């Protein structure tokens, strides 16, 4: 997970902002499901 996304997720959970948590969760799944540019690289960290 990118650091910027992790920081925003932590901030949203601390504020208990459900709308922001849901939006960031959707962003993460969109990002994670994108095909890797280098398929041999394996899963993203």
PDB file of N, CA and C in Angstrom:
ATOM      1  N   UNK A   1       0.853  -1.175   0.000  1.00  0.00           N
ATOM      2  CA  UNK A   1       0.000   0.000   0.000  1.00  0.00           C
ATOM      3  C   UNK A   1       0.900   1.240   0.000  1.00  0.00           C
ATOM      4  N   UNK A   2       0.616   2.185  -0.873  1.00  0.00           N
ATOM      5  CA  UNK A   2       1.426   3.408  -0.900  1.00  0.00           C
ATOM      6  C   UNK A   2       1.346   4.156   0.435  1.00  0.00           C
ATOM      7  N   UNK A   3       2.423   4.816   0.787  1.00  0.00           N
ATOM      8  CA  UNK A   3       2.482   5.503   2.077  1.00  0.00           C
ATOM      9  C   UNK A   3       1.420   6.589   2.197  1.00  0.00           C
ATOM     10  N   UNK A   4       1.166   7.320   1.123  1.00  0.00           N
ATOM     11  CA  UNK A   4       0.162   8.391   1.181  1.00  0.00           C
ATOM     12  C   UNK A   4      -1.218   7.818   1.509  1.00  0.00           C
ATOM     13  N   UNK A   5      -1.518   6.643   0.942  1.00  0.00           N
ATOM     14  CA  UNK A   5      -2.817   6.017   1.188  1.00  0.00           C
ATOM     15  C   UNK A   5      -2.899   5.501   2.624  1.00  0.00           C
ATOM     16  N   UNK A   6      -1.818   4.941   3.094  1.00  0.00           N
ATOM     17  CA  UNK A   6      -1.759   4.446   4.474  1.00  0.00           C
ATOM     18  C   UNK A   6      -1.966   5.600   5.462  1.00  0.00           C
ATOM     19  N   UNK A   7      -1.315   6.735   5.212  1.00  0.00           N
ATOM     20  CA  UNK A   7      -1.463   7.900   6.092  1.00  0.00           C
ATOM     21  C   UNK A   7      -2.904   8.398   6.111  1.00  0.00           C
ATOM     22  N   UNK A   8      -3.514   8.481   4.945  1.00  0.00           N
ATOM     23  CA  UNK A   8      -4.889   8.961   4.878  1.00  0.00           C
ATOM     24  C   UNK A   8      -5.851   7.980   5.543  1.00  0.00           C
ATOM     25  N   UNK A   9      -5.585   6.680   5.391  1.00  0.00           N
ATOM     26  CA  UNK A   9      -6.429   5.671   6.046  1.00  0.00           C
ATOM     27  C   UNK A   9      -6.343   5.819   7.561  1.00  0.00           C
ATOM     28  N   UNK A  10      -5.130   5.971   8.086  1.00  0.00           N
ATOM     29  CA  UNK A  10      -4.964   6.117   9.531  1.00  0.00           C
ATOM     30  C   UNK A  10      -5.684   7.369  10.028  1.00  0.00           C
ATOM     31  N   UNK A  11      -5.583   8.462   9.284  1.00  0.00           N
ATOM     32  CA  UNK A  11      -6.255   9.701   9.670  1.00  0.00           C
ATOM     33  C   UNK A  11      -7.772   9.525   9.664  1.00  0.00           C
ATOM     34  N   UNK A  12      -8.294   8.857   8.640  1.00  0.00           N
ATOM     35  CA  UNK A  12      -9.742   8.640   8.534  1.00  0.00           C
ATOM     36  C   UNK A  12     -10.242   7.754   9.677  1.00  0.00           C
ATOM     37  N   UNK A  13      -9.484   6.710  10.025  1.00  0.00           N
ATOM     38  CA  UNK A  13      -9.895   5.837  11.136  1.00  0.00           C
ATOM     39  C   UNK A  13      -9.847   6.583  12.465  1.00  0.00           C
ATOM     40  N   UNK A  14      -8.843   7.442  12.656  1.00  0.00           N
ATOM     41  CA  UNK A  14      -8.760   8.210  13.898  1.00  0.00           C
ATOM     42  C   UNK A  14      -9.935   9.169  14.034  1.00  0.00           C
ATOM     43  N   UNK A  15     -10.352   9.770  12.916  1.00  0.00           N
ATOM     44  CA  UNK A  15     -11.482  10.707  12.932  1.00  0.00           C
ATOM     45  C   UNK A  15     -12.827   9.987  12.864  1.00  0.00           C
ATOM     46  N   UNK A  16     -12.786   8.671  12.628  1.00  0.00           N
ATOM     47  CA  UNK A  16     -13.998   7.853  12.475  1.00  0.00           C
ATOM     48  C   UNK A  16     -14.883   8.387  11.345  1.00  0.00           C
ATOM     49  N   UNK A  17     -14.217   8.755  10.253  1.00  0.00           N
ATOM     50  CA  UNK A  17     -14.893   9.310   9.080  1.00  0.00           C
ATOM     51  C   UNK A  17     -15.247   8.160   8.134  1.00  0.00           C
ATOM     52  N   UNK A  18     -16.442   7.635   8.286  1.00  0.00           N
ATOM     53  CA  UNK A  18     -16.856   6.455   7.512  1.00  0.00           C
ATOM     54  C   UNK A  18     -16.835   6.697   6.011  1.00  0.00           C
ATOM     55  N   UNK A  19     -17.250   7.889   5.585  1.00  0.00           N
ATOM     56  CA  UNK A  19     -17.284   8.196   4.157  1.00  0.00           C
ATOM     57  C   UNK A  19     -15.869   8.156   3.571  1.00  0.00           C
ATOM     58  N   UNK A  20     -14.914   8.757   4.292  1.00  0.00           N
ATOM     59  CA  UNK A  20     -13.526   8.776   3.833  1.00  0.00           C
ATOM     60  C   UNK A  20     -12.936   7.365   3.851  1.00  0.00           C
ATOM     61  N   UNK A  21     -13.235   6.579   4.874  1.00  0.00           N
ATOM     62  CA  UNK A  21     -12.735   5.208   4.968  1.00  0.00           C
ATOM     63  C   UNK A  21     -13.220   4.389   3.780  1.00  0.00           C
ATOM     64  N   UNK A  22     -14.508   4.516   3.463  1.00  0.00           N
ATOM     65  CA  UNK A  22     -15.066   3.766   2.342  1.00  0.00           C
ATOM     66  C   UNK A  22     -14.422   4.185   1.025  1.00  0.00           C
ATOM     67  N   UNK A  23     -14.250   5.491   0.818  1.00  0.00           N
ATOM     68  CA  UNK A  23     -13.655   5.983  -0.415  1.00  0.00           C
ATOM     69  C   UNK A  23     -12.205   5.507  -0.550  1.00  0.00           C
ATOM     70  N   UNK A  24     -11.433   5.574   0.527  1.00  0.00           N
ATOM     71  CA  UNK A  24     -10.043   5.132   0.485  1.00  0.00           C
ATOM     72  C   UNK A  24      -9.946   3.621   0.286  1.00  0.00           C
ATOM     73  N   UNK A  25     -10.873   2.881   0.877  1.00  0.00           N
ATOM     74  CA  UNK A  25     -10.910   1.437   0.689  1.00  0.00           C
ATOM     75  C   UNK A  25     -11.171   1.101  -0.783  1.00  0.00           C
ATOM     76  N   UNK A  26     -12.108   1.823  -1.389  1.00  0.00           N
ATOM     77  CA  UNK A  26     -12.383   1.627  -2.815  1.00  0.00           C
ATOM     78  C   UNK A  26     -11.152   1.963  -3.655  1.00  0.00           C
ATOM     79  N   UNK A  27     -10.444   3.029  -3.282  1.00  0.00           N
ATOM     80  CA  UNK A  27      -9.214   3.408  -4.000  1.00  0.00           C
ATOM     81  C   UNK A  27      -8.176   2.296  -3.911  1.00  0.00           C
ATOM     82  N   UNK A  28      -8.043   1.717  -2.719  1.00  0.00           N
ATOM     83  CA  UNK A  28      -7.054   0.658  -2.527  1.00  0.00           C
ATOM     84  C   UNK A  28      -7.367  -0.551  -3.406  1.00  0.00           C
ATOM     85  N   UNK A  29      -8.643  -0.970  -3.423  1.00  0.00           N
ATOM     86  CA  UNK A  29      -8.996  -2.127  -4.234  1.00  0.00           C
ATOM     87  C   UNK A  29      -8.841  -1.832  -5.719  1.00  0.00           C
ATOM     88  N   UNK A  30      -9.139  -0.611  -6.138  1.00  0.00           N
ATOM     89  CA  UNK A  30      -8.935  -0.230  -7.535  1.00  0.00           C
ATOM     90  C   UNK A  30      -7.448  -0.301  -7.873  1.00  0.00           C
ATOM     91  N   UNK A  31      -6.603   0.261  -7.010  1.00  0.00           N
ATOM     92  CA  UNK A  31      -5.158   0.262  -7.208  1.00  0.00           C
ATOM     93  C   UNK A  31      -4.605  -1.166  -7.216  1.00  0.00           C
ATOM     94  N   UNK A  32      -5.044  -1.975  -6.268  1.00  0.00           N
ATOM     95  CA  UNK A  32      -4.505  -3.324  -6.117  1.00  0.00           C
ATOM     96  C   UNK A  32      -4.897  -4.237  -7.271  1.00  0.00           C
ATOM     97  N   UNK A  33      -6.076  -4.030  -7.852  1.00  0.00           N
ATOM     98  CA  UNK A  33      -6.562  -4.898  -8.926  1.00  0.00           C
ATOM     99  C   UNK A  33      -6.020  -4.530 -10.298  1.00  0.00           C
ATOM    100  N   UNK A  34      -5.318  -3.408 -10.408  1.00  0.00           N
ATOM    101  CA  UNK A  34      -4.734  -3.027 -11.690  1.00  0.00           C
ATOM    102  C   UNK A  34      -3.641  -4.039 -12.046  1.00  0.00           C
ATOM    103  N   UNK A  35      -3.570  -4.417 -13.319  1.00  0.00           N
ATOM    104  CA  UNK A  35      -2.507  -5.357 -13.701  1.00  0.00           C
ATOM    105  C   UNK A  35      -1.134  -4.710 -13.510  1.00  0.00           C
ATOM    106  N   UNK A  36      -0.215  -5.488 -12.982  1.00  0.00           N
ATOM    107  CA  UNK A  36       1.142  -4.991 -12.757  1.00  0.00           C
ATOM    108  C   UNK A  36       1.815  -4.748 -14.098  1.00  0.00           C
ATOM    109  N   UNK A  37       2.639  -3.692 -14.171  1.00  0.00           N
ATOM    110  CA  UNK A  37       3.347  -3.390 -15.416  1.00  0.00           C
ATOM    111  C   UNK A  37       4.364  -4.482 -15.728  1.00  0.00           C
ATOM    112  N   UNK A  38       4.950  -5.043 -14.691  1.00  0.00           N
ATOM    113  CA  UNK A  38       5.912  -6.127 -14.849  1.00  0.00           C
ATOM    114  C   UNK A  38       5.328  -7.357 -14.153  1.00  0.00           C
ATOM    115  N   UNK A  39       4.705  -8.238 -14.917  1.00  0.00           N
ATOM    116  CA  UNK A  39       4.010  -9.393 -14.340  1.00  0.00           C
ATOM    117  C   UNK A  39       4.962 -10.305 -13.561  1.00  0.00           C
ATOM    118  N   UNK A  40       6.240 -10.324 -13.914  1.00  0.00           N
ATOM    119  CA  UNK A  40       7.199 -11.186 -13.233  1.00  0.00           C
ATOM    120  C   UNK A  40       7.576 -10.632 -11.858  1.00  0.00           C
ATOM    121  N   UNK A  41       7.201  -9.405 -11.575  1.00  0.00           N
ATOM    122  CA  UNK A  41       7.581  -8.777 -10.309  1.00  0.00           C
ATOM    123  C   UNK A  41       6.814  -9.364  -9.130  1.00  0.00           C
ATOM    124  N   UNK A  42       5.684  -9.996  -9.390  1.00  0.00           N
ATOM    125  CA  UNK A  42       4.902 -10.586  -8.313  1.00  0.00           C
ATOM    126  C   UNK A  42       3.962  -9.575  -7.700  1.00  0.00           C
ATOM    127  N   UNK A  43       3.366  -9.918  -6.556  1.00  0.00           N
ATOM    128  CA  UNK A  43       2.396  -9.014  -5.930  1.00  0.00           C
ATOM    129  C   UNK A  43       3.062  -7.739  -5.434  1.00  0.00           C
ATOM    130  N   UNK A  44       2.262  -6.693  -5.365  1.00  0.00           N
ATOM    131  CA  UNK A  44       2.778  -5.412  -4.883  1.00  0.00           C
ATOM    132  C   UNK A  44       2.932  -5.459  -3.375  1.00  0.00           C
ATOM    133  N   UNK A  45       3.874  -4.686  -2.849  1.00  0.00           N
ATOM    134  CA  UNK A  45       4.054  -4.652  -1.384  1.00  0.00           C
ATOM    135  C   UNK A  45       2.934  -3.932  -0.693  1.00  0.00           C
TER     136      UNK A  45
END
